[in-house]
N, C-alpha and C. Protein backbone atom coordinates (compact mmCIF):
# COMPACT_ATOMS: atom_id res chain seq x y z
N UNK A 1 81.42 -3.66 -62.82
CA UNK A 1 82.23 -3.89 -63.87
C UNK A 1 82.15 -5.43 -64.46
N UNK A 2 81.86 -5.59 -65.71
CA UNK A 2 81.64 -6.93 -66.13
C UNK A 2 82.94 -7.78 -66.05
N UNK A 3 82.88 -8.94 -65.75
CA UNK A 3 83.90 -9.85 -65.60
C UNK A 3 84.73 -9.99 -67.05
N UNK A 4 86.03 -10.09 -67.02
CA UNK A 4 86.79 -10.14 -68.25
C UNK A 4 87.27 -8.72 -68.55
N UNK A 5 86.58 -7.70 -68.19
CA UNK A 5 87.18 -6.40 -68.62
C UNK A 5 88.59 -6.19 -68.16
N UNK A 6 89.29 -5.71 -69.12
CA UNK A 6 90.85 -5.45 -68.88
C UNK A 6 91.23 -4.42 -68.00
N UNK A 7 92.17 -4.59 -67.22
CA UNK A 7 92.74 -3.53 -66.29
C UNK A 7 94.24 -3.39 -66.53
N UNK A 8 94.80 -2.31 -66.84
CA UNK A 8 96.17 -2.19 -67.19
C UNK A 8 96.72 -1.08 -66.32
N UNK A 9 98.09 -1.22 -66.05
CA UNK A 9 98.79 -0.19 -65.51
C UNK A 9 99.77 0.48 -66.54
N UNK A 10 99.41 1.67 -66.94
CA UNK A 10 100.15 2.24 -67.98
C UNK A 10 101.60 2.34 -67.76
N UNK A 11 102.42 1.99 -68.80
CA UNK A 11 103.83 2.18 -68.69
C UNK A 11 104.48 0.90 -68.24
N UNK A 12 103.80 -0.21 -67.88
CA UNK A 12 104.50 -1.35 -67.26
C UNK A 12 104.39 -2.50 -68.04
N UNK A 13 103.30 -2.64 -68.87
CA UNK A 13 103.01 -3.99 -69.53
C UNK A 13 102.20 -4.92 -68.65
N UNK A 14 101.78 -4.43 -67.39
CA UNK A 14 101.13 -5.24 -66.44
C UNK A 14 99.71 -5.07 -66.73
N UNK A 15 98.96 -6.23 -66.55
CA UNK A 15 97.42 -6.17 -66.79
C UNK A 15 96.82 -7.28 -66.17
N UNK A 16 95.47 -7.18 -66.02
CA UNK A 16 94.59 -8.47 -65.40
C UNK A 16 93.20 -8.20 -65.91
N UNK A 17 92.42 -9.15 -65.63
CA UNK A 17 91.07 -9.08 -66.07
C UNK A 17 90.15 -9.06 -64.76
N UNK A 18 89.07 -8.35 -64.86
CA UNK A 18 88.15 -8.30 -63.73
C UNK A 18 87.54 -9.71 -63.51
N UNK A 19 87.55 -10.14 -62.26
CA UNK A 19 86.86 -11.41 -61.95
C UNK A 19 85.27 -11.27 -61.79
N UNK A 20 84.53 -12.35 -61.72
CA UNK A 20 83.14 -12.30 -61.57
C UNK A 20 82.79 -11.45 -60.21
N UNK A 21 83.65 -11.47 -59.25
CA UNK A 21 83.41 -10.73 -58.00
C UNK A 21 83.39 -9.15 -58.23
N UNK A 22 84.10 -8.77 -59.46
CA UNK A 22 84.30 -7.36 -59.65
C UNK A 22 85.60 -6.97 -59.16
N UNK A 23 86.55 -7.83 -58.66
CA UNK A 23 87.87 -7.57 -58.17
C UNK A 23 88.81 -7.96 -59.17
N UNK A 24 90.02 -7.44 -59.06
CA UNK A 24 91.20 -7.76 -59.96
C UNK A 24 92.50 -7.59 -59.07
N UNK A 25 93.49 -8.22 -59.43
CA UNK A 25 94.80 -8.31 -58.84
C UNK A 25 95.84 -8.18 -59.93
N UNK A 26 96.77 -7.15 -59.67
CA UNK A 26 97.90 -7.07 -60.58
C UNK A 26 99.08 -7.08 -59.66
N UNK A 27 99.93 -8.13 -59.97
CA UNK A 27 101.21 -8.33 -59.16
C UNK A 27 102.34 -7.70 -59.90
N UNK A 28 103.37 -7.31 -59.13
CA UNK A 28 104.72 -6.93 -59.67
C UNK A 28 104.79 -5.51 -60.00
N UNK A 29 103.81 -4.66 -59.62
CA UNK A 29 103.80 -3.19 -59.95
C UNK A 29 105.04 -2.57 -59.20
N UNK A 30 105.83 -1.86 -59.85
CA UNK A 30 107.06 -1.24 -59.11
C UNK A 30 106.68 -0.30 -58.11
N UNK A 31 107.37 -0.29 -57.00
CA UNK A 31 107.00 0.61 -55.83
C UNK A 31 107.59 1.99 -56.01
N UNK A 32 106.90 2.92 -55.20
CA UNK A 32 107.39 4.34 -55.30
C UNK A 32 107.12 5.25 -56.36
N UNK A 33 106.65 4.70 -57.47
CA UNK A 33 106.18 5.61 -58.58
C UNK A 33 104.78 5.70 -58.73
N UNK A 34 104.26 6.75 -59.30
CA UNK A 34 102.88 7.00 -59.50
C UNK A 34 102.50 6.49 -61.00
N UNK A 35 101.33 5.82 -60.98
CA UNK A 35 100.89 5.15 -62.19
C UNK A 35 99.51 5.59 -62.57
N UNK A 36 99.06 5.38 -63.84
CA UNK A 36 97.76 5.49 -64.21
C UNK A 36 97.14 4.19 -64.52
N UNK A 37 96.00 3.77 -63.82
CA UNK A 37 95.44 2.53 -64.05
C UNK A 37 94.17 2.69 -64.98
N UNK A 38 94.11 1.94 -66.06
CA UNK A 38 93.05 2.12 -67.13
C UNK A 38 92.19 0.90 -67.16
N UNK A 39 90.88 0.96 -67.08
CA UNK A 39 90.06 -0.09 -67.10
C UNK A 39 89.19 0.01 -68.34
N UNK A 40 89.17 -0.98 -69.25
CA UNK A 40 88.40 -0.98 -70.45
C UNK A 40 89.04 -1.56 -71.57
N UNK A 41 88.23 -1.68 -72.74
CA UNK A 41 87.08 -0.93 -72.99
C UNK A 41 86.02 -1.55 -72.16
N UNK A 42 85.20 -0.72 -71.54
CA UNK A 42 84.10 -1.07 -70.69
C UNK A 42 82.75 -1.09 -71.62
N UNK A 43 82.00 -2.09 -71.51
CA UNK A 43 80.75 -2.15 -72.17
C UNK A 43 79.56 -2.17 -71.15
N UNK A 44 78.83 -1.33 -70.94
CA UNK A 44 77.67 -1.39 -70.02
C UNK A 44 76.61 -2.26 -70.56
N UNK A 45 76.10 -3.16 -69.77
CA UNK A 45 75.22 -4.20 -70.10
C UNK A 45 73.68 -3.73 -70.10
N UNK A 46 73.47 -2.52 -69.40
CA UNK A 46 72.11 -2.01 -69.29
C UNK A 46 71.95 -0.71 -69.68
N UNK A 47 70.79 -0.23 -70.01
CA UNK A 47 70.66 1.19 -70.43
C UNK A 47 71.07 2.14 -69.32
N UNK A 48 71.63 3.27 -69.68
CA UNK A 48 71.99 3.69 -71.20
C UNK A 48 73.34 2.87 -71.59
N UNK A 49 73.21 2.28 -72.60
CA UNK A 49 74.41 1.45 -73.09
C UNK A 49 75.53 2.35 -73.52
N UNK A 50 76.73 1.90 -73.14
CA UNK A 50 77.94 2.56 -73.61
C UNK A 50 78.97 1.58 -74.11
N UNK A 51 79.56 1.83 -75.19
CA UNK A 51 80.46 0.92 -75.68
C UNK A 51 81.84 1.61 -75.77
N UNK A 52 82.94 1.04 -75.57
CA UNK A 52 84.25 1.58 -75.74
C UNK A 52 84.62 2.71 -74.74
N UNK A 53 84.16 2.68 -73.60
CA UNK A 53 84.35 3.60 -72.50
C UNK A 53 85.59 3.17 -71.67
N UNK A 54 86.49 4.02 -71.37
CA UNK A 54 87.57 3.68 -70.63
C UNK A 54 87.48 4.39 -69.21
N UNK A 55 87.70 3.79 -68.14
CA UNK A 55 87.71 4.30 -66.84
C UNK A 55 89.12 4.47 -66.36
N UNK A 56 89.54 5.62 -65.83
CA UNK A 56 90.81 5.77 -65.40
C UNK A 56 90.98 6.30 -63.97
N UNK A 57 92.08 5.85 -63.28
CA UNK A 57 92.36 6.28 -61.99
C UNK A 57 93.81 6.79 -62.07
N UNK A 58 94.01 7.98 -61.80
CA UNK A 58 95.28 8.54 -61.92
C UNK A 58 96.17 8.54 -60.54
N UNK A 59 97.39 8.78 -60.61
CA UNK A 59 98.30 8.85 -59.31
C UNK A 59 98.08 7.68 -58.45
N UNK A 60 98.05 6.36 -58.90
CA UNK A 60 97.98 5.27 -57.98
C UNK A 60 99.38 4.98 -57.79
N UNK A 61 99.76 4.73 -56.45
CA UNK A 61 101.11 4.47 -56.00
C UNK A 61 101.28 3.20 -55.12
N UNK A 62 102.07 2.35 -55.27
CA UNK A 62 102.42 1.28 -54.35
C UNK A 62 103.67 1.70 -53.49
N UNK A 63 103.44 1.85 -52.27
CA UNK A 63 104.57 2.35 -51.40
C UNK A 63 105.55 1.17 -51.04
N UNK A 64 105.01 -0.03 -50.75
CA UNK A 64 105.93 -1.04 -50.35
C UNK A 64 105.56 -2.35 -51.19
N UNK A 65 106.52 -3.29 -51.29
CA UNK A 65 106.11 -4.49 -51.98
C UNK A 65 104.94 -5.31 -51.18
N UNK A 66 104.14 -5.85 -51.95
CA UNK A 66 103.07 -6.53 -51.25
C UNK A 66 101.83 -5.61 -50.84
N UNK A 67 101.99 -4.35 -50.92
CA UNK A 67 100.91 -3.48 -50.52
C UNK A 67 99.60 -3.70 -51.38
N UNK A 68 98.50 -3.57 -50.80
CA UNK A 68 97.27 -3.66 -51.58
C UNK A 68 96.60 -2.38 -51.67
N UNK A 69 96.24 -1.98 -52.84
CA UNK A 69 95.63 -0.51 -53.10
C UNK A 69 94.21 -0.77 -53.51
N UNK A 70 93.29 -0.08 -52.81
CA UNK A 70 91.95 -0.14 -53.02
C UNK A 70 91.59 1.06 -54.02
N UNK A 71 91.18 0.86 -55.23
CA UNK A 71 91.00 1.95 -56.11
C UNK A 71 89.48 2.45 -55.94
N UNK A 72 88.74 1.92 -55.04
CA UNK A 72 87.39 2.30 -54.83
C UNK A 72 86.46 1.84 -55.89
N UNK A 73 85.31 2.29 -56.01
CA UNK A 73 84.35 1.82 -57.17
C UNK A 73 84.63 2.56 -58.35
N UNK A 74 85.03 1.77 -59.41
CA UNK A 74 85.22 2.45 -60.67
C UNK A 74 83.78 2.12 -61.55
N UNK A 75 83.21 3.18 -61.80
CA UNK A 75 82.02 3.16 -62.61
C UNK A 75 81.88 4.38 -63.60
N UNK A 76 81.19 4.08 -64.70
CA UNK A 76 81.05 5.12 -65.55
C UNK A 76 80.26 6.36 -65.00
N UNK A 77 80.53 7.46 -65.55
CA UNK A 77 79.73 8.72 -65.06
C UNK A 77 78.28 8.59 -65.51
N UNK A 78 77.45 9.21 -64.57
CA UNK A 78 76.12 9.20 -64.96
C UNK A 78 75.85 9.85 -66.45
N UNK A 79 74.72 9.25 -67.02
CA UNK A 79 74.47 9.81 -68.31
C UNK A 79 73.95 11.18 -68.27
N UNK A 80 74.45 11.96 -69.25
CA UNK A 80 73.73 13.42 -69.34
C UNK A 80 73.47 13.59 -70.61
N UNK A 81 72.61 14.59 -70.96
CA UNK A 81 72.18 14.90 -72.23
C UNK A 81 72.35 16.39 -72.41
N UNK A 82 72.71 16.97 -73.68
CA UNK A 82 72.78 18.29 -73.84
C UNK A 82 71.44 18.76 -74.33
N UNK A 83 70.96 19.75 -73.70
CA UNK A 83 69.66 20.33 -73.96
C UNK A 83 69.71 21.62 -74.81
N UNK A 84 68.89 21.90 -75.66
CA UNK A 84 69.05 23.17 -76.28
C UNK A 84 68.89 24.32 -75.42
N UNK A 85 69.62 25.34 -75.65
CA UNK A 85 69.49 26.54 -74.90
C UNK A 85 68.21 27.36 -75.30
N UNK A 86 67.39 27.75 -74.42
CA UNK A 86 66.23 28.56 -74.64
C UNK A 86 66.48 29.98 -74.19
N UNK A 87 66.02 30.91 -75.00
CA UNK A 87 66.21 32.35 -74.66
C UNK A 87 64.96 32.95 -74.20
């Protein structure tokens, strides 16, 4: 994930930017509720280029104040192409 890519917690107004290390921290997320975390718009720097892609992680929950949640690796799906159907 390129540094500076925006990460938001929907419905909270909370956001952060991805650091050079690829990590980000968002403080003050309310506990006990489920949230959707949105990363983007993401611009891939190498082929196949993608602009305006958003990566989403659903049902993220902070159980206790101060908990750290690892969202895993957020990366765009592999490129695919639609091929004509042959009969």
